[in-house]
Amino acid sequence: MSTIFAKIIRKELPATIVFENERILAIEDLHPVAPVHILIMPKKEIPDFQSITSEDWPLIQEVFSVAQGLAKKYHIEEGYRFLTNNGEGAGQTIFHLHFHLIGGRRLSLLA
């Protein structure tokens, strides 16, 4: 698989990295919908949420922990959205599992 995220992970494309370790990468969204809009992804190529296996859950737990830490770092821990889209029907356009951390203003309801 060679998604735009895989290319960013391999440093073939630039991105504003806000967190990185050997398993996870977090970058600023190029088209933010709020003052804070960060994409957090496992470096392991998992196409979508439904493709997570039981062996992936410790990695996903680490993604959630990174999200909590970034929410605190960006001072949005009192109000933020943390979500993923699964499949084209939900609006997923890049088939590399990633989560949106969105905050920094009052958020409207989702459809």
PDB file of N, CA and C in Angstrom:
ATOM      1  N   MET A   1       0.856  -1.180   0.000  1.00  0.00           N
ATOM      2  CA  MET A   1       0.000   0.000   0.000  1.00  0.00           C
ATOM      3  C   MET A   1       0.899   1.239   0.000  1.00  0.00           C
ATOM      4  N   SER A   2       0.528   2.221  -0.781  1.00  0.00           N
ATOM      5  CA  SER A   2       1.329   3.437  -0.814  1.00  0.00           C
ATOM      6  C   SER A   2       0.422   4.661  -0.778  1.00  0.00           C
ATOM      7  N   THR A   3      -0.190   4.874   0.356  1.00  0.00           N
ATOM      8  CA  THR A   3      -1.052   6.039   0.537  1.00  0.00           C
ATOM      9  C   THR A   3      -0.201   7.270   0.806  1.00  0.00           C
ATOM     10  N   ILE A   4      -0.840   8.406   0.791  1.00  0.00           N
ATOM     11  CA  ILE A   4      -0.136   9.646   1.129  1.00  0.00           C
ATOM     12  C   ILE A   4       0.434   9.564   2.547  1.00  0.00           C
ATOM     13  N   PHE A   5      -0.281   8.901   3.461  1.00  0.00           N
ATOM     14  CA  PHE A   5       0.229   8.769   4.827  1.00  0.00           C
ATOM     15  C   PHE A   5       1.456   7.867   4.876  1.00  0.00           C
ATOM     16  N   ALA A   6       1.460   6.791   4.090  1.00  0.00           N
ATOM     17  CA  ALA A   6       2.638   5.922   4.041  1.00  0.00           C
ATOM     18  C   ALA A   6       3.845   6.712   3.545  1.00  0.00           C
ATOM     19  N   LYS A   7       3.623   7.587   2.571  1.00  0.00           N
ATOM     20  CA  LYS A   7       4.720   8.411   2.052  1.00  0.00           C
ATOM     21  C   LYS A   7       5.195   9.420   3.093  1.00  0.00           C
ATOM     22  N   ILE A   8       4.277   9.962   3.872  1.00  0.00           N
ATOM     23  CA  ILE A   8       4.666  10.883   4.951  1.00  0.00           C
ATOM     24  C   ILE A   8       5.448  10.131   6.024  1.00  0.00           C
ATOM     25  N   ILE A   9       4.979   8.944   6.383  1.00  0.00           N
ATOM     26  CA  ILE A   9       5.670   8.127   7.386  1.00  0.00           C
ATOM     27  C   ILE A   9       7.096   7.813   6.934  1.00  0.00           C
ATOM     28  N   ARG A  10       7.257   7.520   5.642  1.00  0.00           N
ATOM     29  CA  ARG A  10       8.591   7.210   5.101  1.00  0.00           C
ATOM     30  C   ARG A  10       9.417   8.472   4.814  1.00  0.00           C
ATOM     31  N   LYS A  11       8.844   9.641   5.119  1.00  0.00           N
ATOM     32  CA  LYS A  11       9.508  10.939   4.905  1.00  0.00           C
ATOM     33  C   LYS A  11       9.719  11.242   3.421  1.00  0.00           C
ATOM     34  N   GLU A  12       8.869  10.679   2.572  1.00  0.00           N
ATOM     35  CA  GLU A  12       8.916  10.979   1.141  1.00  0.00           C
ATOM     36  C   GLU A  12       8.111  12.234   0.815  1.00  0.00           C
ATOM     37  N   LEU A  13       7.209  12.608   1.696  1.00  0.00           N
ATOM     38  CA  LEU A  13       6.414  13.827   1.565  1.00  0.00           C
ATOM     39  C   LEU A  13       6.523  14.617   2.861  1.00  0.00           C
ATOM     40  N   PRO A  14       6.491  15.941   2.774  1.00  0.00           N
ATOM     41  CA  PRO A  14       6.595  16.750   3.992  1.00  0.00           C
ATOM     42  C   PRO A  14       5.275  16.799   4.755  1.00  0.00           C
ATOM     43  N   ALA A  15       5.386  17.035   6.034  1.00  0.00           N
ATOM     44  CA  ALA A  15       4.225  17.235   6.901  1.00  0.00           C
ATOM     45  C   ALA A  15       4.714  17.926   8.162  1.00  0.00           C
ATOM     46  N   THR A  16       3.799  18.606   8.829  1.00  0.00           N
ATOM     47  CA  THR A  16       4.135  19.208  10.114  1.00  0.00           C
ATOM     48  C   THR A  16       3.867  18.163  11.190  1.00  0.00           C
ATOM     49  N   ILE A  17       4.928  17.583  11.693  1.00  0.00           N
ATOM     50  CA  ILE A  17       4.835  16.498  12.670  1.00  0.00           C
ATOM     51  C   ILE A  17       4.743  17.099  14.065  1.00  0.00           C
ATOM     52  N   VAL A  18       3.736  16.657  14.825  1.00  0.00           N
ATOM     53  CA  VAL A  18       3.575  17.142  16.197  1.00  0.00           C
ATOM     54  C   VAL A  18       3.910  16.059  17.222  1.00  0.00           C
ATOM     55  N   PHE A  19       3.981  14.808  16.766  1.00  0.00           N
ATOM     56  CA  PHE A  19       4.385  13.702  17.638  1.00  0.00           C
ATOM     57  C   PHE A  19       4.867  12.570  16.743  1.00  0.00           C
ATOM     58  N   GLU A  20       5.927  11.900  17.195  1.00  0.00           N
ATOM     59  CA  GLU A  20       6.386  10.711  16.479  1.00  0.00           C
ATOM     60  C   GLU A  20       7.172   9.827  17.425  1.00  0.00           C
ATOM     61  N   ASN A  21       6.897   8.537  17.334  1.00  0.00           N
ATOM     62  CA  ASN A  21       7.750   7.531  17.949  1.00  0.00           C
ATOM     63  C   ASN A  21       7.880   6.393  16.941  1.00  0.00           C
ATOM     64  N   GLU A  22       8.384   5.255  17.353  1.00  0.00           N
ATOM     65  CA  GLU A  22       8.613   4.168  16.396  1.00  0.00           C
ATOM     66  C   GLU A  22       7.322   3.531  15.876  1.00  0.00           C
ATOM     67  N   ARG A  23       6.179   3.774  16.531  1.00  0.00           N
ATOM     68  CA  ARG A  23       4.926   3.122  16.146  1.00  0.00           C
ATOM     69  C   ARG A  23       3.834   4.076  15.676  1.00  0.00           C
ATOM     70  N   ILE A  24       3.935   5.364  16.028  1.00  0.00           N
ATOM     71  CA  ILE A  24       2.836   6.308  15.803  1.00  0.00           C
ATOM     72  C   ILE A  24       3.374   7.620  15.248  1.00  0.00           C
ATOM     73  N   LEU A  25       2.570   8.231  14.375  1.00  0.00           N
ATOM     74  CA  LEU A  25       2.880   9.551  13.839  1.00  0.00           C
ATOM     75  C   LEU A  25       1.644  10.429  13.989  1.00  0.00           C
ATOM     76  N   ALA A  26       1.845  11.676  14.381  1.00  0.00           N
ATOM     77  CA  ALA A  26       0.754  12.653  14.460  1.00  0.00           C
ATOM     78  C   ALA A  26       1.192  13.903  13.708  1.00  0.00           C
ATOM     79  N   ILE A  27       0.304  14.372  12.824  1.00  0.00           N
ATOM     80  CA  ILE A  27       0.618  15.526  11.982  1.00  0.00           C
ATOM     81  C   ILE A  27      -0.537  16.519  11.995  1.00  0.00           C
ATOM     82  N   GLU A  28      -0.222  17.764  11.658  1.00  0.00           N
ATOM     83  CA  GLU A  28      -1.279  18.751  11.495  1.00  0.00           C
ATOM     84  C   GLU A  28      -2.045  18.446  10.213  1.00  0.00           C
ATOM     85  N   ASP A  29      -3.375  18.574  10.261  1.00  0.00           N
ATOM     86  CA  ASP A  29      -4.198  18.389   9.071  1.00  0.00           C
ATOM     87  C   ASP A  29      -3.953  19.556   8.113  1.00  0.00           C
ATOM     88  N   LEU A  30      -3.827  19.261   6.832  1.00  0.00           N
ATOM     89  CA  LEU A  30      -3.613  20.315   5.835  1.00  0.00           C
ATOM     90  C   LEU A  30      -4.835  21.202   5.636  1.00  0.00           C
ATOM     91  N   HIS A  31      -6.009  20.667   5.950  1.00  0.00           N
ATOM     92  CA  HIS A  31      -7.261  21.410   5.779  1.00  0.00           C
ATOM     93  C   HIS A  31      -8.041  21.366   7.091  1.00  0.00           C
ATOM     94  N   PRO A  32      -7.559  22.074   8.110  1.00  0.00           N
ATOM     95  CA  PRO A  32      -8.186  21.976   9.435  1.00  0.00           C
ATOM     96  C   PRO A  32      -9.607  22.518   9.451  1.00  0.00           C
ATOM     97  N   VAL A  33     -10.445  21.856  10.250  1.00  0.00           N
ATOM     98  CA  VAL A  33     -11.832  22.302  10.438  1.00  0.00           C
ATOM     99  C   VAL A  33     -11.995  23.039  11.762  1.00  0.00           C
ATOM    100  N   ALA A  34     -10.912  23.156  12.518  1.00  0.00           N
ATOM    101  CA  ALA A  34     -10.913  23.839  13.813  1.00  0.00           C
ATOM    102  C   ALA A  34      -9.482  24.310  14.082  1.00  0.00           C
ATOM    103  N   PRO A  35      -9.299  25.180  15.076  1.00  0.00           N
ATOM    104  CA  PRO A  35      -7.942  25.657  15.381  1.00  0.00           C
ATOM    105  C   PRO A  35      -6.941  24.534  15.655  1.00  0.00           C
ATOM    106  N   VAL A  36      -7.394  23.468  16.283  1.00  0.00           N
ATOM    107  CA  VAL A  36      -6.554  22.283  16.478  1.00  0.00           C
ATOM    108  C   VAL A  36      -7.175  21.155  15.666  1.00  0.00           C
ATOM    109  N   HIS A  37      -6.437  20.635  14.704  1.00  0.00           N
ATOM    110  CA  HIS A  37      -6.901  19.494  13.905  1.00  0.00           C
ATOM    111  C   HIS A  37      -5.670  18.667  13.572  1.00  0.00           C
ATOM    112  N   ILE A  38      -5.513  17.593  14.326  1.00  0.00           N
ATOM    113  CA  ILE A  38      -4.341  16.734  14.228  1.00  0.00           C
ATOM    114  C   ILE A  38      -4.780  15.351  13.764  1.00  0.00           C
ATOM    115  N   LEU A  39      -3.996  14.758  12.883  1.00  0.00           N
ATOM    116  CA  LEU A  39      -4.231  13.392  12.427  1.00  0.00           C
ATOM    117  C   LEU A  39      -3.223  12.490  13.126  1.00  0.00           C
ATOM    118  N   ILE A  40      -3.736  11.467  13.800  1.00  0.00           N
ATOM    119  CA  ILE A  40      -2.887  10.541  14.555  1.00  0.00           C
ATOM    120  C   ILE A  40      -3.042   9.171  13.925  1.00  0.00           C
ATOM    121  N   MET A  41      -1.929   8.551  13.575  1.00  0.00           N
ATOM    122  CA  MET A  41      -2.007   7.277  12.865  1.00  0.00           C
ATOM    123  C   MET A  41      -0.945   6.299  13.333  1.00  0.00           C
ATOM    124  N   PRO A  42      -1.284   5.012  13.302  1.00  0.00           N
ATOM    125  CA  PRO A  42      -0.231   4.020  13.503  1.00  0.00           C
ATOM    126  C   PRO A  42       0.651   3.999  12.258  1.00  0.00           C
ATOM    127  N   LYS A  43       1.918   3.741  12.434  1.00  0.00           N
ATOM    128  CA  LYS A  43       2.797   3.608  11.273  1.00  0.00           C
ATOM    129  C   LYS A  43       2.530   2.293  10.540  1.00  0.00           C
ATOM    130  N   LYS A  44       2.030   1.313  11.257  1.00  0.00           N
ATOM    131  CA  LYS A  44       1.647   0.057  10.622  1.00  0.00           C
ATOM    132  C   LYS A  44       0.519   0.345   9.640  1.00  0.00           C
ATOM    133  N   GLU A  45       0.604  -0.233   8.463  1.00  0.00           N
ATOM    134  CA  GLU A  45      -0.420   0.006   7.447  1.00  0.00           C
ATOM    135  C   GLU A  45      -1.655  -0.845   7.730  1.00  0.00           C
ATOM    136  N   ILE A  46      -2.650  -0.198   8.296  1.00  0.00           N
ATOM    137  CA  ILE A  46      -3.964  -0.785   8.560  1.00  0.00           C
ATOM    138  C   ILE A  46      -4.934   0.068   7.748  1.00  0.00           C
ATOM    139  N   PRO A  47      -5.686  -0.510   6.813  1.00  0.00           N
ATOM    140  CA  PRO A  47      -6.496   0.325   5.922  1.00  0.00           C
ATOM    141  C   PRO A  47      -7.632   1.085   6.597  1.00  0.00           C
ATOM    142  N   ASP A  48      -8.273   0.478   7.580  1.00  0.00           N
ATOM    143  CA  ASP A  48      -9.422   1.135   8.207  1.00  0.00           C
ATOM    144  C   ASP A  48      -9.716   0.492   9.558  1.00  0.00           C
ATOM    145  N   PHE A  49     -10.676   1.055  10.261  1.00  0.00           N
ATOM    146  CA  PHE A  49     -11.006   0.593  11.612  1.00  0.00           C
ATOM    147  C   PHE A  49     -11.448  -0.868  11.624  1.00  0.00           C
ATOM    148  N   GLN A  50     -12.213  -1.283  10.633  1.00  0.00           N
ATOM    149  CA  GLN A  50     -12.698  -2.667  10.572  1.00  0.00           C
ATOM    150  C   GLN A  50     -11.571  -3.669  10.355  1.00  0.00           C
ATOM    151  N   SER A  51     -10.428  -3.208   9.902  1.00  0.00           N
ATOM    152  CA  SER A  51      -9.298  -4.099   9.629  1.00  0.00           C
ATOM    153  C   SER A  51      -8.390  -4.319  10.835  1.00  0.00           C
ATOM    154  N   ILE A  52      -8.695  -3.677  11.952  1.00  0.00           N
ATOM    155  CA  ILE A  52      -7.896  -3.868  13.162  1.00  0.00           C
ATOM    156  C   ILE A  52      -8.042  -5.314  13.629  1.00  0.00           C
ATOM    157  N   THR A  53      -6.922  -5.950  13.941  1.00  0.00           N
ATOM    158  CA  THR A  53      -6.939  -7.313  14.465  1.00  0.00           C
ATOM    159  C   THR A  53      -6.683  -7.278  15.971  1.00  0.00           C
ATOM    160  N   SER A  54      -6.875  -8.413  16.611  1.00  0.00           N
ATOM    161  CA  SER A  54      -6.647  -8.472  18.058  1.00  0.00           C
ATOM    162  C   SER A  54      -5.195  -8.126  18.401  1.00  0.00           C
ATOM    163  N   GLU A  55      -4.265  -8.451  17.538  1.00  0.00           N
ATOM    164  CA  GLU A  55      -2.860  -8.114  17.821  1.00  0.00           C
ATOM    165  C   GLU A  55      -2.585  -6.614  17.667  1.00  0.00           C
ATOM    166  N   ASP A  56      -3.483  -5.891  16.991  1.00  0.00           N
ATOM    167  CA  ASP A  56      -3.314  -4.445  16.810  1.00  0.00           C
ATOM    168  C   ASP A  56      -3.808  -3.631  18.000  1.00  0.00           C
ATOM    169  N   TRP A  57      -4.611  -4.208  18.884  1.00  0.00           N
ATOM    170  CA  TRP A  57      -5.237  -3.400  19.935  1.00  0.00           C
ATOM    171  C   TRP A  57      -4.254  -2.691  20.862  1.00  0.00           C
ATOM    172  N   PRO A  58      -3.114  -3.288  21.225  1.00  0.00           N
ATOM    173  CA  PRO A  58      -2.155  -2.510  22.027  1.00  0.00           C
ATOM    174  C   PRO A  58      -1.668  -1.255  21.286  1.00  0.00           C
ATOM    175  N   LEU A  59      -1.495  -1.352  19.981  1.00  0.00           N
ATOM    176  CA  LEU A  59      -1.100  -0.203  19.174  1.00  0.00           C
ATOM    177  C   LEU A  59      -2.203   0.854  19.164  1.00  0.00           C
ATOM    178  N   ILE A  60      -3.440   0.431  19.022  1.00  0.00           N
ATOM    179  CA  ILE A  60      -4.566   1.368  19.019  1.00  0.00           C
ATOM    180  C   ILE A  60      -4.696   2.028  20.390  1.00  0.00           C
ATOM    181  N   GLN A  61      -4.474   1.267  21.438  1.00  0.00           N
ATOM    182  CA  GLN A  61      -4.489   1.839  22.787  1.00  0.00           C
ATOM    183  C   GLN A  61      -3.418   2.927  22.905  1.00  0.00           C
ATOM    184  N   GLU A  62      -2.263   2.696  22.311  1.00  0.00           N
ATOM    185  CA  GLU A  62      -1.208   3.706  22.338  1.00  0.00           C
ATOM    186  C   GLU A  62      -1.620   4.952  21.546  1.00  0.00           C
ATOM    187  N   VAL A  63      -2.312   4.762  20.419  1.00  0.00           N
ATOM    188  CA  VAL A  63      -2.828   5.905  19.656  1.00  0.00           C
ATOM    189  C   VAL A  63      -3.747   6.743  20.546  1.00  0.00           C
ATOM    190  N   PHE A  64      -4.628   6.073  21.287  1.00  0.00           N
ATOM    191  CA  PHE A  64      -5.552   6.785  22.178  1.00  0.00           C
ATOM    192  C   PHE A  64      -4.782   7.547  23.258  1.00  0.00           C
ATOM    193  N   SER A  65      -3.732   6.943  23.787  1.00  0.00           N
ATOM    194  CA  SER A  65      -2.913   7.598  24.800  1.00  0.00           C
ATOM    195  C   SER A  65      -2.219   8.834  24.224  1.00  0.00           C
ATOM    196  N   VAL A  66      -1.718   8.725  23.008  1.00  0.00           N
ATOM    197  CA  VAL A  66      -1.100   9.874  22.337  1.00  0.00           C
ATOM    198  C   VAL A  66      -2.132  10.983  22.160  1.00  0.00           C
ATOM    199  N   ALA A  67      -3.355  10.618  21.785  1.00  0.00           N
ATOM    200  CA  ALA A  67      -4.421  11.620  21.620  1.00  0.00           C
ATOM    201  C   ALA A  67      -4.668  12.364  22.929  1.00  0.00           C
ATOM    202  N   GLN A  68      -4.715  11.648  24.036  1.00  0.00           N
ATOM    203  CA  GLN A  68      -4.904  12.301  25.335  1.00  0.00           C
ATOM    204  C   GLN A  68      -3.764  13.276  25.622  1.00  0.00           C
ATOM    205  N   GLY A  69      -2.543  12.846  25.348  1.00  0.00           N
ATOM    206  CA  GLY A  69      -1.391  13.707  25.585  1.00  0.00           C
ATOM    207  C   GLY A  69      -1.397  14.949  24.705  1.00  0.00           C
ATOM    208  N   LEU A  70      -1.779  14.784  23.450  1.00  0.00           N
ATOM    209  CA  LEU A  70      -1.833  15.933  22.547  1.00  0.00           C
ATOM    210  C   LEU A  70      -2.964  16.883  22.932  1.00  0.00           C
ATOM    211  N   ALA A  71      -4.086  16.336  23.383  1.00  0.00           N
ATOM    212  CA  ALA A  71      -5.184  17.199  23.846  1.00  0.00           C
ATOM    213  C   ALA A  71      -4.699  18.077  24.997  1.00  0.00           C
ATOM    214  N   LYS A  72      -3.920  17.499  25.885  1.00  0.00           N
ATOM    215  CA  LYS A  72      -3.373  18.279  27.001  1.00  0.00           C
ATOM    216  C   LYS A  72      -2.349  19.297  26.495  1.00  0.00           C
ATOM    217  N   LYS A  73      -1.455  18.868  25.605  1.00  0.00           N
ATOM    218  CA  LYS A  73      -0.421  19.757  25.064  1.00  0.00           C
ATOM    219  C   LYS A  73      -1.032  20.980  24.386  1.00  0.00           C
ATOM    220  N   TYR A  74      -2.139  20.770  23.677  1.00  0.00           N
ATOM    221  CA  TYR A  74      -2.786  21.865  22.943  1.00  0.00           C
ATOM    222  C   TYR A  74      -3.897  22.539  23.751  1.00  0.00           C
ATOM    223  N   HIS A  75      -4.016  22.178  25.027  1.00  0.00           N
ATOM    224  CA  HIS A  75      -4.961  22.811  25.958  1.00  0.00           C
ATOM    225  C   HIS A  75      -6.415  22.693  25.495  1.00  0.00           C
ATOM    226  N   ILE A  76      -6.769  21.516  24.972  1.00  0.00           N
ATOM    227  CA  ILE A  76      -8.156  21.305  24.535  1.00  0.00           C
ATOM    228  C   ILE A  76      -8.814  20.164  25.313  1.00  0.00           C
ATOM    229  N   GLU A  77      -8.175  19.740  26.405  1.00  0.00           N
ATOM    230  CA  GLU A  77      -8.659  18.555  27.121  1.00  0.00           C
ATOM    231  C   GLU A  77     -10.070  18.712  27.677  1.00  0.00           C
ATOM    232  N   GLU A  78     -10.575  19.926  27.772  1.00  0.00           N
ATOM    233  CA  GLU A  78     -11.932  20.136  28.285  1.00  0.00           C
ATOM    234  C   GLU A  78     -12.998  20.048  27.196  1.00  0.00           C
ATOM    235  N   GLY A  79     -12.592  19.934  25.938  1.00  0.00           N
ATOM    236  CA  GLY A  79     -13.579  19.832  24.872  1.00  0.00           C
ATOM    237  C   GLY A  79     -12.938  19.576  23.524  1.00  0.00           C
ATOM    238  N   TYR A  80     -13.007  18.333  23.075  1.00  0.00           N
ATOM    239  CA  TYR A  80     -12.459  17.991  21.767  1.00  0.00           C
ATOM    240  C   TYR A  80     -13.193  16.782  21.213  1.00  0.00           C
ATOM    241  N   ARG A  81     -12.991  16.561  19.933  1.00  0.00           N
ATOM    242  CA  ARG A  81     -13.565  15.400  19.256  1.00  0.00           C
ATOM    243  C   ARG A  81     -12.406  14.521  18.802  1.00  0.00           C
ATOM    244  N   PHE A  82     -12.574  13.205  18.969  1.00  0.00           N
ATOM    245  CA  PHE A  82     -11.577  12.221  18.552  1.00  0.00           C
ATOM    246  C   PHE A  82     -12.318  11.168  17.758  1.00  0.00           C
ATOM    247  N   LEU A  83     -12.042  11.085  16.452  1.00  0.00           N
ATOM    248  CA  LEU A  83     -12.859  10.198  15.621  1.00  0.00           C
ATOM    249  C   LEU A  83     -12.082   9.650  14.440  1.00  0.00           C
ATOM    250  N   THR A  84     -12.663   8.611  13.844  1.00  0.00           N
ATOM    251  CA  THR A  84     -12.155   8.064  12.594  1.00  0.00           C
ATOM    252  C   THR A  84     -13.336   7.803  11.677  1.00  0.00           C
ATOM    253  N   ASN A  85     -13.079   7.833  10.398  1.00  0.00           N
ATOM    254  CA  ASN A  85     -14.084   7.464   9.404  1.00  0.00           C
ATOM    255  C   ASN A  85     -13.733   6.076   8.902  1.00  0.00           C
ATOM    256  N   ASN A  86     -14.733   5.218   8.744  1.00  0.00           N
ATOM    257  CA  ASN A  86     -14.487   3.865   8.273  1.00  0.00           C
ATOM    258  C   ASN A  86     -15.210   3.647   6.951  1.00  0.00           C
ATOM    259  N   GLY A  87     -14.456   3.615   5.878  1.00  0.00           N
ATOM    260  CA  GLY A  87     -15.020   3.342   4.565  1.00  0.00           C
ATOM    261  C   GLY A  87     -15.488   4.590   3.832  1.00  0.00           C
ATOM    262  N   GLU A  88     -15.644   4.426   2.527  1.00  0.00           N
ATOM    263  CA  GLU A  88     -16.059   5.545   1.683  1.00  0.00           C
ATOM    264  C   GLU A  88     -17.394   6.127   2.113  1.00  0.00           C
ATOM    265  N   GLY A  89     -18.313   5.279   2.559  1.00  0.00           N
ATOM    266  CA  GLY A  89     -19.634   5.741   2.971  1.00  0.00           C
ATOM    267  C   GLY A  89     -19.601   6.683   4.158  1.00  0.00           C
ATOM    268  N   ALA A  90     -18.528   6.624   4.932  1.00  0.00           N
ATOM    269  CA  ALA A  90     -18.373   7.516   6.088  1.00  0.00           C
ATOM    270  C   ALA A  90     -17.471   8.701   5.767  1.00  0.00           C
ATOM    271  N   GLY A  91     -16.967   8.743   4.544  1.00  0.00           N
ATOM    272  CA  GLY A  91     -16.114   9.851   4.153  1.00  0.00           C
ATOM    273  C   GLY A  91     -14.623   9.567   4.210  1.00  0.00           C
ATOM    274  N   GLN A  92     -14.240   8.307   4.427  1.00  0.00           N
ATOM    275  CA  GLN A  92     -12.813   7.992   4.444  1.00  0.00           C
ATOM    276  C   GLN A  92     -12.261   8.131   3.028  1.00  0.00           C
ATOM    277  N   THR A  93     -11.208   8.915   2.876  1.00  0.00           N
ATOM    278  CA  THR A  93     -10.602   9.123   1.561  1.00  0.00           C
ATOM    279  C   THR A  93      -9.172   8.594   1.483  1.00  0.00           C
ATOM    280  N   ILE A  94      -8.531   8.425   2.624  1.00  0.00           N
ATOM    281  CA  ILE A  94      -7.178   7.864   2.666  1.00  0.00           C
ATOM    282  C   ILE A  94      -7.268   6.558   3.442  1.00  0.00           C
ATOM    283  N   PHE A  95      -6.947   5.464   2.769  1.00  0.00           N
ATOM    284  CA  PHE A  95      -7.142   4.154   3.377  1.00  0.00           C
ATOM    285  C   PHE A  95      -5.894   3.679   4.117  1.00  0.00           C
ATOM    286  N   HIS A  96      -5.571   4.479   5.119  1.00  0.00           N
ATOM    287  CA  HIS A  96      -4.568   4.177   6.140  1.00  0.00           C
ATOM    288  C   HIS A  96      -5.218   4.671   7.425  1.00  0.00           C
ATOM    289  N   LEU A  97      -5.470   3.767   8.354  1.00  0.00           N
ATOM    290  CA  LEU A  97      -6.178   4.118   9.583  1.00  0.00           C
ATOM    291  C   LEU A  97      -5.582   5.364  10.223  1.00  0.00           C
ATOM    292  N   HIS A  98      -6.446   6.325  10.503  1.00  0.00           N
ATOM    293  CA  HIS A  98      -6.022   7.546  11.188  1.00  0.00           C
ATOM    294  C   HIS A  98      -7.199   8.104  11.969  1.00  0.00           C
ATOM    295  N   PHE A  99      -6.867   8.838  12.998  1.00  0.00           N
ATOM    296  CA  PHE A  99      -7.866   9.435  13.878  1.00  0.00           C
ATOM    297  C   PHE A  99      -7.689  10.943  13.852  1.00  0.00           C
ATOM    298  N   HIS A 100      -8.805  11.654  13.865  1.00  0.00           N
ATOM    299  CA  HIS A 100      -8.801  13.111  13.893  1.00  0.00           C
ATOM    300  C   HIS A 100      -8.962  13.569  15.340  1.00  0.00           C
ATOM    301  N   LEU A 101      -8.081  14.430  15.792  1.00  0.00           N
ATOM    302  CA  LEU A 101      -8.196  15.108  17.079  1.00  0.00           C
ATOM    303  C   LEU A 101      -8.532  16.554  16.744  1.00  0.00           C
ATOM    304  N   ILE A 102      -9.754  16.968  17.094  1.00  0.00           N
ATOM    305  CA  ILE A 102     -10.278  18.262  16.662  1.00  0.00           C
ATOM    306  C   ILE A 102     -10.741  19.048  17.880  1.00  0.00           C
ATOM    307  N   GLY A 103     -10.301  20.289  17.988  1.00  0.00           N
ATOM    308  CA  GLY A 103     -10.729  21.124  19.109  1.00  0.00           C
ATOM    309  C   GLY A 103     -10.238  22.547  18.955  1.00  0.00           C
ATOM    310  N   GLY A 104     -10.323  23.280  20.043  1.00  0.00           N
ATOM    311  CA  GLY A 104      -9.878  24.659  20.037  1.00  0.00           C
ATOM    312  C   GLY A 104     -10.997  25.665  19.848  1.00  0.00           C
ATOM    313  N   ARG A 105     -12.203  25.168  19.675  1.00  0.00           N
ATOM    314  CA  ARG A 105     -13.407  26.008  19.593  1.00  0.00           C
ATOM    315  C   ARG A 105     -14.598  25.113  19.899  1.00  0.00           C
ATOM    316  N   ARG A 106     -15.748  25.722  20.123  1.00  0.00           N
ATOM    317  CA  ARG A 106     -16.964  24.940  20.349  1.00  0.00           C
ATOM    318  C   ARG A 106     -17.307  24.211  19.055  1.00  0.00           C
ATOM    319  N   LEU A 107     -17.546  22.914  19.150  1.00  0.00           N
ATOM    320  CA  LEU A 107     -17.815  22.094  17.974  1.00  0.00           C
ATOM    321  C   LEU A 107     -19.309  21.867  17.802  1.00  0.00           C
ATOM    322  N   SER A 108     -19.747  21.838  16.563  1.00  0.00           N
ATOM    323  CA  SER A 108     -21.157  21.584  16.271  1.00  0.00           C
ATOM    324  C   SER A 108     -21.424  20.081  16.300  1.00  0.00           C
ATOM    325  N   LEU A 109     -22.698  19.718  16.266  1.00  0.00           N
ATOM    326  CA  LEU A 109     -23.082  18.312  16.261  1.00  0.00           C
ATOM    327  C   LEU A 109     -22.728  17.668  14.930  1.00  0.00           C
ATOM    328  N   LEU A 110     -22.459  16.387  14.967  1.00  0.00           N
ATOM    329  CA  LEU A 110     -22.180  15.629  13.746  1.00  0.00           C
ATOM    330  C   LEU A 110     -23.478  15.192  13.092  1.00  0.00           C
ATOM    331  N   ALA A 111     -23.424  14.966  11.793  1.00  0.00           N
ATOM    332  CA  ALA A 111     -24.597  14.473  11.058  1.00  0.00           C
ATOM    333  C   ALA A 111     -24.802  13.006  11.360  1.00  0.00           C
TER     334      ALA A 111
END
